[in-house]
Amino acid sequence: MDARRFVNAMYSSQHVHPVTQVVMNLPKDAAEFLDVFRGILRNRQTGHIAMPKIHVYGFSKAEDPEYDFHERINLALCDSVMGVEMHRVRLVAPGKWMLCASFTLPESVAYAKANYITC
């Protein structure tokens, strides 16, 4: 199933399935799919659903790959995500790192107005 449809299906039923961990392990494109979480709970009351921990993989050729990848996460979620645990997985080519970023989905993102085009 397409990742966007799967995440929407998990959160669209009357009884939200408890999602504690999300692994987005396609490093080429995973960060671009993070926008699916923006507004995922906008039609529900706040405080009743635990926010999932998201583990997203990505590549970076930047001089500071952790900063670059964190900025791409912020851009995809249209928010400033705090508490991101970042680690380098491996060097895949000269100057190109695969990274894994782990963070708890901010409530401000989950309950925000959905916006798939721009922030």
Protein backbone atom coordinates (compact mmCIF):
# COMPACT_ATOMS: atom_id res chain seq x y z
CA MET A 1 0.00 0.00 0.00
CA ASP A 2 1.18 3.53 -0.69
CA ALA A 3 2.73 5.08 2.45
CA ARG A 4 0.37 8.08 2.44
CA ARG A 5 -2.71 5.87 2.15
CA PHE A 6 -1.43 3.54 4.87
CA VAL A 7 -0.79 6.33 7.41
CA ASN A 8 -4.14 7.96 6.62
CA ALA A 9 -5.90 4.61 7.02
CA MET A 10 -4.24 4.03 10.40
CA TYR A 11 -5.54 7.36 11.72
CA SER A 12 -8.87 7.72 9.91
CA SER A 13 -10.99 5.12 11.69
CA GLN A 14 -13.18 6.04 14.65
CA HIS A 15 -10.90 4.02 16.91
CA VAL A 16 -7.35 5.05 16.14
CA HIS A 17 -5.00 2.13 16.26
CA PRO A 18 -2.18 2.77 18.73
CA VAL A 19 0.88 3.57 16.65
CA THR A 20 3.99 3.84 18.79
CA GLN A 21 6.76 3.56 16.19
CA VAL A 22 6.99 4.50 12.51
CA VAL A 23 10.01 3.44 10.46
CA MET A 24 10.46 5.25 7.17
CA ASN A 25 13.41 3.38 5.73
CA LEU A 26 13.54 4.48 2.09
CA PRO A 27 16.43 6.94 2.43
CA LYS A 28 16.06 8.55 -1.00
CA ASP A 29 12.47 9.74 -0.46
CA ALA A 30 11.35 9.11 3.14
CA ALA A 31 11.66 12.72 4.35
CA GLU A 32 9.31 13.87 1.57
CA PHE A 33 6.57 11.61 2.97
CA LEU A 34 6.69 13.19 6.44
CA ASP A 35 4.08 15.76 5.39
CA VAL A 36 1.44 13.02 5.68
CA PHE A 37 1.65 13.45 9.47
CA ARG A 38 0.75 17.16 9.33
CA GLY A 39 -2.83 17.42 10.56
CA ILE A 40 -3.28 13.66 10.90
CA LEU A 41 -5.26 14.18 14.15
CA ARG A 42 -6.83 17.58 13.38
CA ASN A 43 -10.37 16.21 13.70
CA ARG A 44 -9.79 14.64 17.12
CA GLN A 45 -9.57 15.99 20.64
CA THR A 46 -6.06 16.73 21.87
CA GLY A 47 -4.40 14.76 24.64
CA HIS A 48 -6.06 11.37 24.05
CA ILE A 49 -3.66 9.82 21.57
CA ALA A 50 0.02 9.09 22.19
CA MET A 51 2.30 10.59 19.55
CA PRO A 52 4.37 8.05 17.62
CA LYS A 53 8.15 7.99 17.55
CA ILE A 54 9.24 8.41 13.94
CA HIS A 55 12.49 6.97 12.60
CA VAL A 56 13.26 8.43 9.18
CA TYR A 57 16.26 7.65 7.00
CA GLY A 58 17.84 9.98 4.48
CA PHE A 59 20.94 10.91 2.54
CA SER A 60 22.98 14.09 2.77
CA LYS A 61 26.03 15.40 0.92
CA ALA A 62 26.15 18.58 3.01
CA GLU A 63 29.18 19.65 5.02
CA ASP A 64 27.02 19.23 8.14
CA PRO A 65 24.74 16.31 7.19
CA GLU A 66 22.88 16.22 10.52
CA TYR A 67 21.91 19.89 10.26
CA ASP A 68 20.93 19.48 6.60
CA PHE A 69 18.71 16.47 7.29
CA HIS A 70 17.11 18.12 10.33
CA GLU A 71 16.25 21.16 8.20
CA ARG A 72 14.63 18.91 5.58
CA ILE A 73 12.53 17.30 8.33
CA ASN A 74 11.44 20.73 9.59
CA LEU A 75 10.56 21.78 6.05
CA ALA A 76 8.51 18.63 5.38
CA LEU A 77 6.56 19.01 8.64
CA CYS A 78 6.24 22.82 8.38
CA ASP A 79 7.38 23.04 11.98
CA SER A 80 10.54 23.16 14.05
CA VAL A 81 11.00 19.67 15.47
CA MET A 82 12.87 19.54 18.77
CA GLY A 83 14.58 16.58 20.38
CA VAL A 84 15.71 14.91 17.17
CA GLU A 85 18.17 12.08 17.78
CA MET A 86 20.38 11.89 14.72
CA HIS A 87 23.04 9.37 13.85
CA ARG A 88 25.12 8.54 10.82
CA VAL A 89 24.33 5.05 9.56
CA ARG A 90 27.06 4.74 6.95
CA LEU A 91 29.00 6.51 4.25
CA VAL A 92 27.41 5.42 0.96
CA ALA A 93 29.70 7.37 -1.38
CA PRO A 94 32.51 9.87 -0.90
CA GLY A 95 30.93 12.74 1.05
CA LYS A 96 27.42 11.20 1.05
CA TRP A 97 26.03 9.99 4.37
CA MET A 98 23.00 7.87 5.15
CA LEU A 99 21.45 9.17 8.37
CA CYS A 100 18.68 8.11 10.71
CA ALA A 101 16.68 10.74 12.57
CA SER A 102 14.38 9.70 15.41
CA PHE A 103 11.84 12.01 17.05
CA THR A 104 8.43 12.02 18.63
CA LEU A 105 5.82 13.56 16.35
CA PRO A 106 5.05 17.00 17.82
CA GLU A 107 1.40 17.52 18.77
CA SER A 108 1.59 20.88 17.00
CA VAL A 109 2.14 18.96 13.76
CA ALA A 110 -0.41 16.19 14.39
CA TYR A 111 -3.24 18.64 15.18
CA ALA A 112 -2.26 21.30 12.61
CA LYS A 113 -4.17 22.21 9.50
CA ALA A 114 -3.07 19.81 6.76
CA ASN A 115 -1.00 21.47 4.08
CA TYR A 116 0.54 19.24 1.43
CA ILE A 117 1.73 21.98 -0.92
CA THR A 118 3.59 24.66 1.04
CA CYS A 119 4.04 25.89 4.57
